[in-house]
N, C-alpha and C. Protein backbone atom coordinates (compact mmCIF):
# COMPACT_ATOMS: atom_id res chain seq x y z
N MET A 1 0.81 -1.20 0.00
CA MET A 1 0.00 0.00 0.00
C MET A 1 0.85 1.27 0.00
N ILE A 2 2.10 1.18 0.47
CA ILE A 2 2.89 2.40 0.54
C ILE A 2 3.23 2.92 -0.86
N SER A 3 3.15 2.07 -1.87
CA SER A 3 3.42 2.54 -3.23
C SER A 3 2.34 3.52 -3.70
N CYS A 4 1.18 3.53 -3.02
CA CYS A 4 0.10 4.46 -3.35
C CYS A 4 0.21 5.78 -2.59
N VAL A 5 1.19 5.90 -1.70
CA VAL A 5 1.35 7.08 -0.85
C VAL A 5 2.25 8.08 -1.56
N ASN A 6 1.93 9.38 -1.45
CA ASN A 6 2.75 10.42 -2.07
C ASN A 6 3.92 10.86 -1.21
N MET A 7 3.72 10.84 0.13
CA MET A 7 4.76 11.30 1.04
C MET A 7 4.47 10.78 2.44
N VAL A 8 5.53 10.47 3.19
CA VAL A 8 5.39 10.08 4.59
C VAL A 8 5.92 11.23 5.44
N ILE A 9 5.11 11.72 6.37
CA ILE A 9 5.51 12.80 7.27
C ILE A 9 5.35 12.30 8.69
N LEU A 10 6.40 12.45 9.49
CA LEU A 10 6.31 12.01 10.88
C LEU A 10 7.01 12.98 11.81
N GLY A 11 6.63 12.93 13.06
CA GLY A 11 7.28 13.73 14.09
C GLY A 11 8.33 12.88 14.79
N ALA A 12 9.46 13.47 15.11
CA ALA A 12 10.55 12.75 15.74
C ALA A 12 10.57 13.01 17.24
N HIS A 13 10.95 11.99 17.99
CA HIS A 13 11.18 12.18 19.42
C HIS A 13 12.50 12.90 19.63
N ALA A 14 13.50 12.52 18.84
CA ALA A 14 14.82 13.15 18.90
C ALA A 14 15.51 12.96 17.56
N VAL A 15 16.42 13.87 17.26
CA VAL A 15 17.20 13.79 16.03
C VAL A 15 18.66 13.70 16.43
N MET A 16 19.36 12.75 15.86
CA MET A 16 20.77 12.54 16.17
C MET A 16 21.63 13.41 15.25
N ALA A 17 22.87 13.66 15.65
CA ALA A 17 23.77 14.52 14.88
C ALA A 17 24.07 13.96 13.49
N ASN A 18 24.00 12.64 13.32
CA ASN A 18 24.28 12.05 12.01
C ASN A 18 23.08 12.09 11.07
N GLY A 19 21.95 12.63 11.54
CA GLY A 19 20.74 12.69 10.73
C GLY A 19 19.79 11.55 10.99
N GLY A 20 20.17 10.64 11.89
CA GLY A 20 19.26 9.57 12.29
C GLY A 20 18.16 10.12 13.18
N VAL A 21 17.10 9.35 13.32
CA VAL A 21 15.92 9.81 14.05
C VAL A 21 15.51 8.78 15.10
N ILE A 22 15.18 9.25 16.29
CA ILE A 22 14.55 8.41 17.31
C ILE A 22 13.06 8.69 17.17
N ALA A 23 12.31 7.68 16.78
CA ALA A 23 10.88 7.84 16.48
C ALA A 23 10.10 6.72 17.16
N PRO A 24 8.79 6.88 17.26
CA PRO A 24 7.98 5.81 17.86
C PRO A 24 8.20 4.47 17.15
N VAL A 25 8.10 3.41 17.93
CA VAL A 25 8.38 2.07 17.42
C VAL A 25 7.52 1.77 16.20
N GLY A 26 8.13 1.13 15.22
CA GLY A 26 7.44 0.76 13.98
C GLY A 26 7.75 1.67 12.82
N LEU A 27 8.27 2.87 13.10
CA LEU A 27 8.50 3.81 12.00
C LEU A 27 9.76 3.50 11.19
N ASN A 28 10.68 2.72 11.74
CA ASN A 28 11.82 2.31 10.92
C ASN A 28 11.34 1.44 9.76
N MET A 29 10.38 0.58 10.05
CA MET A 29 9.82 -0.28 8.99
C MET A 29 9.12 0.58 7.92
N VAL A 30 8.43 1.62 8.35
CA VAL A 30 7.78 2.53 7.40
C VAL A 30 8.83 3.26 6.57
N ALA A 31 9.93 3.68 7.21
CA ALA A 31 11.00 4.38 6.49
C ALA A 31 11.63 3.49 5.43
N VAL A 32 11.86 2.24 5.78
CA VAL A 32 12.46 1.30 4.82
C VAL A 32 11.51 1.07 3.64
N ALA A 33 10.22 0.92 3.93
CA ALA A 33 9.24 0.72 2.85
C ALA A 33 9.15 1.96 1.96
N ALA A 34 9.18 3.14 2.58
CA ALA A 34 9.13 4.38 1.80
C ALA A 34 10.35 4.50 0.89
N GLN A 35 11.51 4.18 1.43
CA GLN A 35 12.73 4.25 0.63
C GLN A 35 12.67 3.26 -0.53
N ARG A 36 12.20 2.08 -0.26
CA ARG A 36 12.11 1.02 -1.29
C ARG A 36 11.20 1.43 -2.45
N HIS A 37 10.14 2.19 -2.14
CA HIS A 37 9.18 2.61 -3.17
C HIS A 37 9.39 4.05 -3.61
N ALA A 38 10.53 4.64 -3.27
CA ALA A 38 10.89 6.01 -3.66
C ALA A 38 9.84 7.03 -3.22
N VAL A 39 9.32 6.85 -2.01
CA VAL A 39 8.35 7.79 -1.44
C VAL A 39 9.13 8.72 -0.51
N PRO A 40 9.01 10.05 -0.67
CA PRO A 40 9.72 10.97 0.22
C PRO A 40 9.34 10.74 1.68
N PHE A 41 10.34 10.76 2.55
CA PHE A 41 10.18 10.52 3.99
C PHE A 41 10.62 11.79 4.71
N VAL A 42 9.67 12.55 5.22
CA VAL A 42 9.92 13.86 5.81
C VAL A 42 9.75 13.77 7.32
N VAL A 43 10.69 14.36 8.05
CA VAL A 43 10.66 14.34 9.51
C VAL A 43 10.46 15.75 10.04
N LEU A 44 9.48 15.92 10.92
CA LEU A 44 9.24 17.20 11.59
C LEU A 44 9.92 17.16 12.94
N ALA A 45 10.70 18.20 13.26
CA ALA A 45 11.42 18.23 14.53
C ALA A 45 11.63 19.67 14.97
N ALA A 46 11.58 19.88 16.26
CA ALA A 46 11.88 21.21 16.82
C ALA A 46 13.38 21.35 16.97
N SER A 47 13.89 22.59 16.87
CA SER A 47 15.33 22.76 17.05
C SER A 47 15.75 22.68 18.50
N GLN A 48 14.86 22.94 19.42
CA GLN A 48 15.18 22.76 20.84
C GLN A 48 14.46 21.52 21.33
N GLY A 49 15.18 20.43 21.34
CA GLY A 49 14.61 19.17 21.82
C GLY A 49 15.16 18.83 23.18
N HIS A 50 14.91 17.64 23.61
CA HIS A 50 15.43 17.20 24.90
C HIS A 50 16.26 15.94 24.71
N LEU A 51 17.23 15.78 25.58
CA LEU A 51 18.12 14.64 25.53
C LEU A 51 17.75 13.70 26.66
N VAL A 52 17.39 12.49 26.33
CA VAL A 52 16.99 11.52 27.36
C VAL A 52 17.73 10.21 27.11
N PRO A 53 18.97 10.12 27.54
CA PRO A 53 19.68 8.85 27.35
C PRO A 53 19.03 7.74 28.16
N SER A 54 18.96 6.57 27.59
CA SER A 54 18.26 5.47 28.25
C SER A 54 18.94 5.04 29.53
N ASP A 55 20.26 5.27 29.64
CA ASP A 55 20.92 4.83 30.87
C ASP A 55 20.66 5.79 32.03
N CYS A 56 19.99 6.91 31.79
CA CYS A 56 19.64 7.83 32.87
C CYS A 56 18.16 7.74 33.23
N MET A 57 17.40 7.00 32.45
CA MET A 57 15.96 6.91 32.69
C MET A 57 15.65 5.79 33.67
N ASP A 58 14.68 6.02 34.52
CA ASP A 58 14.25 5.01 35.46
C ASP A 58 13.08 4.26 34.84
N PHE A 59 13.29 2.99 34.52
CA PHE A 59 12.24 2.19 33.90
C PHE A 59 11.40 1.46 34.93
N GLY A 60 11.77 1.55 36.20
CA GLY A 60 10.99 0.89 37.24
C GLY A 60 11.25 -0.60 37.26
N THR A 61 10.52 -1.29 38.09
CA THR A 61 10.68 -2.73 38.20
C THR A 61 9.35 -3.40 37.97
N GLY A 62 9.41 -4.63 37.53
CA GLY A 62 8.20 -5.40 37.28
C GLY A 62 8.05 -6.50 38.32
N THR A 63 6.95 -7.22 38.25
CA THR A 63 6.69 -8.29 39.20
C THR A 63 6.72 -9.65 38.53
N ALA A 64 7.26 -9.74 37.34
CA ALA A 64 7.29 -11.00 36.60
C ALA A 64 8.39 -11.91 37.14
N SER A 65 8.39 -13.12 36.65
CA SER A 65 9.39 -14.11 37.04
C SER A 65 10.78 -13.63 36.66
N PRO A 66 11.79 -13.90 37.50
CA PRO A 66 13.16 -13.48 37.14
C PRO A 66 13.70 -14.21 35.91
N LEU A 67 13.06 -15.30 35.51
CA LEU A 67 13.49 -16.04 34.33
C LEU A 67 12.90 -15.47 33.04
N LEU A 68 11.98 -14.55 33.18
CA LEU A 68 11.29 -13.97 32.03
C LEU A 68 12.01 -12.69 31.60
N HIS A 69 12.38 -12.63 30.34
CA HIS A 69 13.01 -11.43 29.79
C HIS A 69 12.09 -10.88 28.70
N VAL A 70 11.58 -9.70 28.93
CA VAL A 70 10.64 -9.09 27.99
C VAL A 70 11.26 -7.85 27.38
N VAL A 71 11.23 -7.76 26.08
CA VAL A 71 11.70 -6.57 25.38
C VAL A 71 10.48 -5.86 24.83
N ASN A 72 10.29 -4.64 25.25
CA ASN A 72 9.14 -3.85 24.81
C ASN A 72 9.63 -2.46 24.42
N PRO A 73 10.19 -2.32 23.22
CA PRO A 73 10.76 -1.03 22.83
C PRO A 73 9.68 0.05 22.67
N THR A 74 10.06 1.24 23.03
CA THR A 74 9.18 2.39 22.87
C THR A 74 9.53 3.16 21.61
N PHE A 75 10.81 3.15 21.25
CA PHE A 75 11.29 3.93 20.11
C PHE A 75 12.09 3.06 19.16
N ASP A 76 12.12 3.50 17.90
CA ASP A 76 12.96 2.92 16.86
C ASP A 76 14.03 3.94 16.49
N TYR A 77 15.16 3.44 16.04
CA TYR A 77 16.16 4.30 15.43
C TYR A 77 15.99 4.20 13.93
N VAL A 78 15.76 5.34 13.29
CA VAL A 78 15.64 5.39 11.83
C VAL A 78 16.95 5.99 11.32
N PRO A 79 17.74 5.25 10.55
CA PRO A 79 19.00 5.79 10.04
C PRO A 79 18.75 6.95 9.09
N PRO A 80 19.76 7.78 8.85
CA PRO A 80 19.56 8.96 8.00
C PRO A 80 19.29 8.67 6.53
N LYS A 81 19.67 7.49 6.05
CA LYS A 81 19.55 7.19 4.62
C LYS A 81 18.13 7.34 4.06
N PRO A 82 17.08 6.82 4.71
CA PRO A 82 15.74 6.96 4.11
C PRO A 82 15.10 8.34 4.30
N VAL A 83 15.71 9.20 5.13
CA VAL A 83 15.12 10.52 5.41
C VAL A 83 15.41 11.46 4.24
N SER A 84 14.35 12.02 3.67
CA SER A 84 14.50 12.94 2.54
C SER A 84 14.74 14.37 3.00
N LEU A 85 14.05 14.77 4.08
CA LEU A 85 14.07 16.17 4.50
C LEU A 85 13.70 16.28 5.97
N PHE A 86 14.36 17.19 6.68
CA PHE A 86 13.97 17.56 8.03
C PHE A 86 13.32 18.93 7.95
N ILE A 87 12.16 19.07 8.55
CA ILE A 87 11.52 20.38 8.64
C ILE A 87 11.52 20.79 10.10
N THR A 88 12.19 21.91 10.39
CA THR A 88 12.27 22.42 11.75
C THR A 88 11.65 23.81 11.78
N ASP A 89 11.71 24.44 12.95
CA ASP A 89 11.19 25.80 13.04
C ASP A 89 12.10 26.80 12.33
N THR A 90 13.27 26.35 11.86
CA THR A 90 14.16 27.23 11.09
C THR A 90 14.11 26.96 9.60
N GLY A 91 13.29 25.99 9.17
CA GLY A 91 13.15 25.70 7.74
C GLY A 91 13.39 24.24 7.42
N GLY A 92 13.52 23.94 6.14
CA GLY A 92 13.78 22.58 5.67
C GLY A 92 15.27 22.34 5.54
N HIS A 93 15.72 21.15 5.96
CA HIS A 93 17.15 20.86 5.95
C HIS A 93 17.41 19.44 5.48
N ASN A 94 18.51 19.27 4.78
CA ASN A 94 18.98 17.96 4.33
C ASN A 94 19.51 17.19 5.54
N PRO A 95 19.33 15.87 5.62
CA PRO A 95 19.86 15.11 6.76
C PRO A 95 21.36 15.29 6.99
N SER A 96 22.13 15.51 5.93
CA SER A 96 23.57 15.68 6.10
C SER A 96 23.93 17.02 6.76
N TYR A 97 22.96 17.93 6.88
CA TYR A 97 23.20 19.24 7.48
C TYR A 97 22.83 19.29 8.96
N VAL A 98 22.25 18.22 9.49
CA VAL A 98 21.76 18.22 10.87
C VAL A 98 22.88 18.47 11.87
N TYR A 99 24.06 17.90 11.62
CA TYR A 99 25.16 18.11 12.57
C TYR A 99 25.47 19.59 12.73
N GLN A 100 25.38 20.37 11.65
CA GLN A 100 25.65 21.80 11.71
C GLN A 100 24.56 22.53 12.49
N LEU A 101 23.31 22.13 12.32
CA LEU A 101 22.22 22.73 13.09
C LEU A 101 22.42 22.50 14.58
N ILE A 102 22.81 21.29 14.94
CA ILE A 102 23.05 20.99 16.35
C ILE A 102 24.21 21.82 16.88
N ALA A 103 25.27 21.96 16.10
CA ALA A 103 26.42 22.77 16.52
C ALA A 103 26.04 24.23 16.67
N ASP A 104 25.12 24.73 15.84
CA ASP A 104 24.69 26.13 15.94
C ASP A 104 23.84 26.40 17.17
N TYR A 105 23.04 25.42 17.59
CA TYR A 105 22.09 25.63 18.68
C TYR A 105 22.59 25.17 20.04
N TYR A 106 23.54 24.26 20.08
CA TYR A 106 23.97 23.69 21.35
C TYR A 106 25.48 23.77 21.50
N SER A 107 25.93 23.93 22.73
CA SER A 107 27.36 23.82 23.02
C SER A 107 27.60 22.47 23.67
N ALA A 108 28.85 22.10 23.84
CA ALA A 108 29.17 20.82 24.46
C ALA A 108 28.62 20.75 25.89
N ASP A 109 28.55 21.90 26.58
CA ASP A 109 28.03 21.93 27.95
C ASP A 109 26.56 21.56 28.01
N ASP A 110 25.81 21.82 26.94
CA ASP A 110 24.39 21.49 26.92
C ASP A 110 24.15 19.99 26.87
N LEU A 111 25.14 19.24 26.43
CA LEU A 111 24.96 17.81 26.24
C LEU A 111 25.41 16.97 27.43
N VAL A 112 25.87 17.64 28.49
CA VAL A 112 26.30 16.91 29.67
C VAL A 112 25.07 16.53 30.49
N VAL A 113 24.90 15.24 30.67
CA VAL A 113 23.78 14.73 31.46
C VAL A 113 24.36 13.99 32.65
N GLN A 114 23.95 14.39 33.82
CA GLN A 114 24.47 13.73 35.01
C GLN A 114 23.63 12.51 35.33
N ARG A 115 24.31 11.45 35.73
CA ARG A 115 23.61 10.23 36.13
C ARG A 115 22.95 10.45 37.48
N ARG A 116 21.79 9.81 37.63
CA ARG A 116 21.13 9.85 38.93
C ARG A 116 21.94 9.03 39.91
N SER A 117 22.07 9.56 41.11
CA SER A 117 22.77 8.77 42.12
C SER A 117 21.81 7.72 42.67
N PRO A 118 22.29 6.52 42.93
CA PRO A 118 21.40 5.49 43.47
C PRO A 118 20.87 5.91 44.84
N THR A 119 19.61 5.70 45.05
CA THR A 119 19.00 6.08 46.33
C THR A 119 19.16 4.95 47.32
N ALA A 120 19.40 5.32 48.53
CA ALA A 120 19.55 4.31 49.59
C ALA A 120 18.18 3.80 49.99
N SER A 121 18.08 2.50 50.20
CA SER A 121 16.80 1.91 50.58
C SER A 121 16.63 1.87 52.07
């Protein structure tokens, strides 16, 4: 059905410096299908986003068996190759230009994320 689509437009959770996108789960598959059928894949993103590394996030604990390992991803990584265009509040940009946008808006100090200290029980 994607061959009948004129364009795919999606919102990104985060944009990486290499032009890759952190997007809701399942969108990498859509990006691959769009690329395969030569359908433009456009990503909408704000220039001031937030950085949420997974090693700093508290995922909580479950009550399942310790022998059970469940993988339930929330986000997909979409590589820069299938992305045709990024549209931000500053205009439309090629994926290869994203690193420059990040350098213009952020300094190295903005990217420092402190780990949460473990709380005593």
